[in-house]
């Protein structure tokens, strides 16, 4: 491989890894008093939010 090809491959792999990490995302919990809490990953519940929960957000 030529040096330019190796650098391009490394840049491409780095961009792919960064994209995957950003897509992992986080969960932002908003409470009735307006305070917010940010956590990494998906919400704990497998159930979709109820209508009341959606209105409170």
PDB file of N, CA and C in Angstrom:
ATOM      1  N   UNK A   1       0.830  -1.205   0.000  1.00  0.00           N
ATOM      2  CA  UNK A   1       0.000   0.000   0.000  1.00  0.00           C
ATOM      3  C   UNK A   1       0.863   1.253   0.000  1.00  0.00           C
ATOM      4  N   UNK A   2       0.383   2.244  -0.681  1.00  0.00           N
ATOM      5  CA  UNK A   2       1.090   3.518  -0.681  1.00  0.00           C
ATOM      6  C   UNK A   2       0.781   4.264   0.614  1.00  0.00           C
ATOM      7  N   UNK A   3       1.665   5.139   1.052  1.00  0.00           N
ATOM      8  CA  UNK A   3       1.431   5.898   2.292  1.00  0.00           C
ATOM      9  C   UNK A   3       0.130   6.707   2.251  1.00  0.00           C
ATOM     10  N   UNK A   4      -0.217   7.238   1.089  1.00  0.00           N
ATOM     11  CA  UNK A   4      -1.441   8.033   0.986  1.00  0.00           C
ATOM     12  C   UNK A   4      -2.670   7.149   1.204  1.00  0.00           C
ATOM     13  N   UNK A   5      -2.631   5.934   0.699  1.00  0.00           N
ATOM     14  CA  UNK A   5      -3.748   5.013   0.862  1.00  0.00           C
ATOM     15  C   UNK A   5      -3.920   4.619   2.319  1.00  0.00           C
ATOM     16  N   UNK A   6      -2.815   4.421   3.027  1.00  0.00           N
ATOM     17  CA  UNK A   6      -2.881   4.058   4.441  1.00  0.00           C
ATOM     18  C   UNK A   6      -3.477   5.192   5.263  1.00  0.00           C
ATOM     19  N   UNK A   7      -3.084   6.419   4.962  1.00  0.00           N
ATOM     20  CA  UNK A   7      -3.611   7.576   5.686  1.00  0.00           C
ATOM     21  C   UNK A   7      -5.095   7.741   5.401  1.00  0.00           C
ATOM     22  N   UNK A   8      -5.508   7.535   4.178  1.00  0.00           N
ATOM     23  CA  UNK A   8      -6.917   7.652   3.817  1.00  0.00           C
ATOM     24  C   UNK A   8      -7.743   6.571   4.513  1.00  0.00           C
ATOM     25  N   UNK A   9      -7.221   5.375   4.563  1.00  0.00           N
ATOM     26  CA  UNK A   9      -7.907   4.272   5.231  1.00  0.00           C
ATOM     27  C   UNK A   9      -8.039   4.545   6.727  1.00  0.00           C
ATOM     28  N   UNK A  10      -7.003   5.053   7.348  1.00  0.00           N
ATOM     29  CA  UNK A  10      -7.044   5.386   8.773  1.00  0.00           C
ATOM     30  C   UNK A  10      -8.061   6.492   9.046  1.00  0.00           C
ATOM     31  N   UNK A  11      -8.112   7.479   8.178  1.00  0.00           N
ATOM     32  CA  UNK A  11      -9.074   8.568   8.322  1.00  0.00           C
ATOM     33  C   UNK A  11     -10.501   8.058   8.158  1.00  0.00           C
ATOM     34  N   UNK A  12     -10.710   7.188   7.211  1.00  0.00           N
ATOM     35  CA  UNK A  12     -12.028   6.616   6.975  1.00  0.00           C
ATOM     36  C   UNK A  12     -12.487   5.774   8.156  1.00  0.00           C
ATOM     37  N   UNK A  13     -11.604   4.950   8.690  1.00  0.00           N
ATOM     38  CA  UNK A  13     -11.946   4.129   9.853  1.00  0.00           C
ATOM     39  C   UNK A  13     -12.219   4.992  11.086  1.00  0.00           C
ATOM     40  N   UNK A  14     -11.468   6.052  11.253  1.00  0.00           N
ATOM     41  CA  UNK A  14     -11.691   6.959  12.376  1.00  0.00           C
ATOM     42  C   UNK A  14     -13.055   7.637  12.267  1.00  0.00           C
ATOM     43  N   UNK A  15     -13.404   8.064  11.073  1.00  0.00           N
ATOM     44  CA  UNK A  15     -14.706   8.701  10.850  1.00  0.00           C
ATOM     45  C   UNK A  15     -15.838   7.716  11.106  1.00  0.00           C
ATOM     46  N   UNK A  16     -15.668   6.476  10.700  1.00  0.00           N
ATOM     47  CA  UNK A  16     -16.680   5.451  10.918  1.00  0.00           C
ATOM     48  C   UNK A  16     -16.866   5.178  12.408  1.00  0.00           C
ATOM     49  N   UNK A  17     -15.781   5.081  13.143  1.00  0.00           N
ATOM     50  CA  UNK A  17     -15.851   4.843  14.584  1.00  0.00           C
ATOM     51  C   UNK A  17     -16.516   6.016  15.298  1.00  0.00           C
ATOM     52  N   UNK A  18     -16.155   7.223  14.937  1.00  0.00           N
ATOM     53  CA  UNK A  18     -16.755   8.409  15.542  1.00  0.00           C
ATOM     54  C   UNK A  18     -18.248   8.463  15.262  1.00  0.00           C
ATOM     55  N   UNK A  19     -18.653   8.142  14.053  1.00  0.00           N
ATOM     56  CA  UNK A  19     -20.074   8.128  13.700  1.00  0.00           C
ATOM     57  C   UNK A  19     -20.838   7.109  14.540  1.00  0.00           C
ATOM     58  N   UNK A  20     -20.268   5.933  14.727  1.00  0.00           N
ATOM     59  CA  UNK A  20     -20.917   4.899  15.530  1.00  0.00           C
ATOM     60  C   UNK A  20     -21.069   5.352  16.981  1.00  0.00           C
ATOM     61  N   UNK A  21     -20.050   6.016  17.508  1.00  0.00           N
ATOM     62  CA  UNK A  21     -20.128   6.486  18.888  1.00  0.00           C
ATOM     63  C   UNK A  21     -21.188   7.573  19.047  1.00  0.00           C
ATOM     64  N   UNK A  22     -21.289   8.450  18.070  1.00  0.00           N
ATOM     65  CA  UNK A  22     -22.285   9.513  18.151  1.00  0.00           C
ATOM     66  C   UNK A  22     -23.702   8.967  18.009  1.00  0.00           C
ATOM     67  N   UNK A  23     -23.866   7.918  17.217  1.00  0.00           N
ATOM     68  CA  UNK A  23     -25.182   7.327  17.054  1.00  0.00           C
ATOM     69  C   UNK A  23     -25.630   6.579  18.300  1.00  0.00           C
ATOM     70  N   UNK A  24     -24.695   6.181  19.155  1.00  0.00           N
ATOM     71  CA  UNK A  24     -25.056   5.492  20.390  1.00  0.00           C
ATOM     72  C   UNK A  24     -25.918   6.407  21.254  1.00  0.00           C
ATOM     73  N   UNK A  25     -25.612   7.686  21.253  1.00  0.00           N
ATOM     74  CA  UNK A  25     -26.444   8.690  21.889  1.00  0.00           C
ATOM     75  C   UNK A  25     -26.564   8.590  23.387  1.00  0.00           C
ATOM     76  N   UNK A  26     -27.542   9.319  23.889  1.00  0.00           N
ATOM     77  CA  UNK A  26     -27.811   9.361  25.309  1.00  0.00           C
ATOM     78  C   UNK A  26     -29.299   9.601  25.518  1.00  0.00           C
ATOM     79  N   UNK A  27     -29.728   9.461  26.752  1.00  0.00           N
ATOM     80  CA  UNK A  27     -31.120   9.679  27.118  1.00  0.00           C
ATOM     81  C   UNK A  27     -31.193  10.906  28.009  1.00  0.00           C
ATOM     82  N   UNK A  28     -32.119  11.817  27.707  1.00  0.00           N
ATOM     83  CA  UNK A  28     -32.323  12.993  28.538  1.00  0.00           C
ATOM     84  C   UNK A  28     -33.661  12.832  29.240  1.00  0.00           C
ATOM     85  N   UNK A  29     -33.616  12.751  30.567  1.00  0.00           N
ATOM     86  CA  UNK A  29     -34.834  12.662  31.362  1.00  0.00           C
ATOM     87  C   UNK A  29     -35.214  14.056  31.816  1.00  0.00           C
ATOM     88  N   UNK A  30     -36.473  14.447  31.568  1.00  0.00           N
ATOM     89  CA  UNK A  30     -36.974  15.743  32.007  1.00  0.00           C
ATOM     90  C   UNK A  30     -38.036  15.500  33.071  1.00  0.00           C
ATOM     91  N   UNK A  31     -37.885  16.150  34.204  1.00  0.00           N
ATOM     92  CA  UNK A  31     -38.784  15.954  35.335  1.00  0.00           C
ATOM     93  C   UNK A  31     -39.814  17.073  35.408  1.00  0.00           C
ATOM     94  N   UNK A  32     -40.934  16.843  36.122  1.00  0.00           N
ATOM     95  CA  UNK A  32     -42.005  17.850  36.189  1.00  0.00           C
ATOM     96  C   UNK A  32     -41.545  19.231  36.668  1.00  0.00           C
ATOM     97  N   UNK A  33     -40.516  19.297  37.511  1.00  0.00           N
ATOM     98  CA  UNK A  33     -40.040  20.605  37.987  1.00  0.00           C
ATOM     99  C   UNK A  33     -39.153  21.314  36.972  1.00  0.00           C
ATOM    100  N   UNK A  34     -38.953  20.682  35.804  1.00  0.00           N
ATOM    101  CA  UNK A  34     -38.164  21.297  34.739  1.00  0.00           C
ATOM    102  C   UNK A  34     -36.698  20.899  34.726  1.00  0.00           C
ATOM    103  N   UNK A  35     -36.247  20.210  35.757  1.00  0.00           N
ATOM    104  CA  UNK A  35     -34.841  19.795  35.784  1.00  0.00           C
ATOM    105  C   UNK A  35     -34.620  18.654  34.791  1.00  0.00           C
ATOM    106  N   UNK A  36     -33.389  18.534  34.333  1.00  0.00           N
ATOM    107  CA  UNK A  36     -33.041  17.510  33.352  1.00  0.00           C
ATOM    108  C   UNK A  36     -31.853  16.700  33.839  1.00  0.00           C
ATOM    109  N   UNK A  37     -31.835  15.443  33.427  1.00  0.00           N
ATOM    110  CA  UNK A  37     -30.760  14.532  33.782  1.00  0.00           C
ATOM    111  C   UNK A  37     -30.362  13.788  32.508  1.00  0.00           C
ATOM    112  N   UNK A  38     -29.090  13.810  32.149  1.00  0.00           N
ATOM    113  CA  UNK A  38     -28.619  13.155  30.934  1.00  0.00           C
ATOM    114  C   UNK A  38     -27.877  11.880  31.291  1.00  0.00           C
ATOM    115  N   UNK A  39     -28.252  10.788  30.628  1.00  0.00           N
ATOM    116  CA  UNK A  39     -27.614   9.499  30.857  1.00  0.00           C
ATOM    117  C   UNK A  39     -27.204   8.914  29.515  1.00  0.00           C
ATOM    118  N   UNK A  40     -26.105   8.177  29.498  1.00  0.00           N
ATOM    119  CA  UNK A  40     -25.673   7.498  28.286  1.00  0.00           C
ATOM    120  C   UNK A  40     -26.535   6.273  28.063  1.00  0.00           C
ATOM    121  N   UNK A  41     -26.838   5.981  26.822  1.00  0.00           N
ATOM    122  CA  UNK A  41     -27.549   4.755  26.470  1.00  0.00           C
ATOM    123  C   UNK A  41     -29.033   4.941  26.304  1.00  0.00           C
ATOM    124  N   UNK A  42     -29.726   3.825  26.228  1.00  0.00           N
ATOM    125  CA  UNK A  42     -31.165   3.815  25.993  1.00  0.00           C
ATOM    126  C   UNK A  42     -31.920   3.889  27.312  1.00  0.00           C
ATOM    127  N   UNK A  43     -33.191   4.285  27.246  1.00  0.00           N
ATOM    128  CA  UNK A  43     -34.006   4.314  28.465  1.00  0.00           C
ATOM    129  C   UNK A  43     -34.137   2.920  29.075  1.00  0.00           C
ATOM    130  N   UNK A  44     -34.390   2.859  30.373  1.00  0.00           N
ATOM    131  CA  UNK A  44     -34.527   1.588  31.070  1.00  0.00           C
ATOM    132  C   UNK A  44     -35.774   0.824  30.650  1.00  0.00           C
ATOM    133  N   UNK A  45     -36.841   1.530  30.346  1.00  0.00           N
ATOM    134  CA  UNK A  45     -38.124   0.901  30.059  1.00  0.00           C
ATOM    135  C   UNK A  45     -38.213   0.438  28.612  1.00  0.00           C
ATOM    136  N   UNK A  46     -38.801  -0.752  28.414  1.00  0.00           N
ATOM    137  CA  UNK A  46     -39.053  -1.239  27.060  1.00  0.00           C
ATOM    138  C   UNK A  46     -40.403  -0.767  26.538  1.00  0.00           C
ATOM    139  N   UNK A  47     -41.226  -0.240  27.441  1.00  0.00           N
ATOM    140  CA  UNK A  47     -42.566   0.196  27.060  1.00  0.00           C
ATOM    141  C   UNK A  47     -42.523   1.605  26.479  1.00  0.00           C
ATOM    142  N   UNK A  48     -43.353   1.876  25.481  1.00  0.00           N
ATOM    143  CA  UNK A  48     -43.418   3.244  24.960  1.00  0.00           C
ATOM    144  C   UNK A  48     -44.058   4.164  25.997  1.00  0.00           C
ATOM    145  N   UNK A  49     -43.754   5.454  25.952  1.00  0.00           N
ATOM    146  CA  UNK A  49     -44.335   6.370  26.931  1.00  0.00           C
ATOM    147  C   UNK A  49     -45.851   6.483  26.757  1.00  0.00           C
ATOM    148  N   UNK A  50     -46.540   6.703  27.869  1.00  0.00           N
ATOM    149  CA  UNK A  50     -47.994   6.879  27.820  1.00  0.00           C
ATOM    150  C   UNK A  50     -48.298   8.280  27.297  1.00  0.00           C
ATOM    151  N   UNK A  51     -49.572   8.534  27.011  1.00  0.00           N
ATOM    152  CA  UNK A  51     -49.964   9.876  26.542  1.00  0.00           C
ATOM    153  C   UNK A  51     -49.604  10.933  27.562  1.00  0.00           C
ATOM    154  N   UNK A  52     -49.857  10.630  28.834  1.00  0.00           N
ATOM    155  CA  UNK A  52     -49.548  11.602  29.880  1.00  0.00           C
ATOM    156  C   UNK A  52     -48.046  11.884  29.946  1.00  0.00           C
ATOM    157  N   UNK A  53     -47.226  10.846  29.827  1.00  0.00           N
ATOM    158  CA  UNK A  53     -45.782  11.033  29.832  1.00  0.00           C
ATOM    159  C   UNK A  53     -45.318  11.875  28.659  1.00  0.00           C
ATOM    160  N   UNK A  54     -45.932  11.667  27.481  1.00  0.00           N
ATOM    161  CA  UNK A  54     -45.566  12.468  26.301  1.00  0.00           C
ATOM    162  C   UNK A  54     -45.973  13.922  26.502  1.00  0.00           C
ATOM    163  N   UNK A  55     -47.121  14.168  27.134  1.00  0.00           N
ATOM    164  CA  UNK A  55     -47.569  15.544  27.369  1.00  0.00           C
ATOM    165  C   UNK A  55     -46.642  16.267  28.343  1.00  0.00           C
ATOM    166  N   UNK A  56     -46.125  15.527  29.329  1.00  0.00           N
ATOM    167  CA  UNK A  56     -45.253  16.148  30.331  1.00  0.00           C
ATOM    168  C   UNK A  56     -43.905  16.553  29.766  1.00  0.00           C
ATOM    169  N   UNK A  57     -43.493  15.919  28.677  1.00  0.00           N
ATOM    170  CA  UNK A  57     -42.213  16.265  28.061  1.00  0.00           C
ATOM    171  C   UNK A  57     -42.388  17.539  27.318  1.00  0.00           C
TER     172      UNK A  57
END
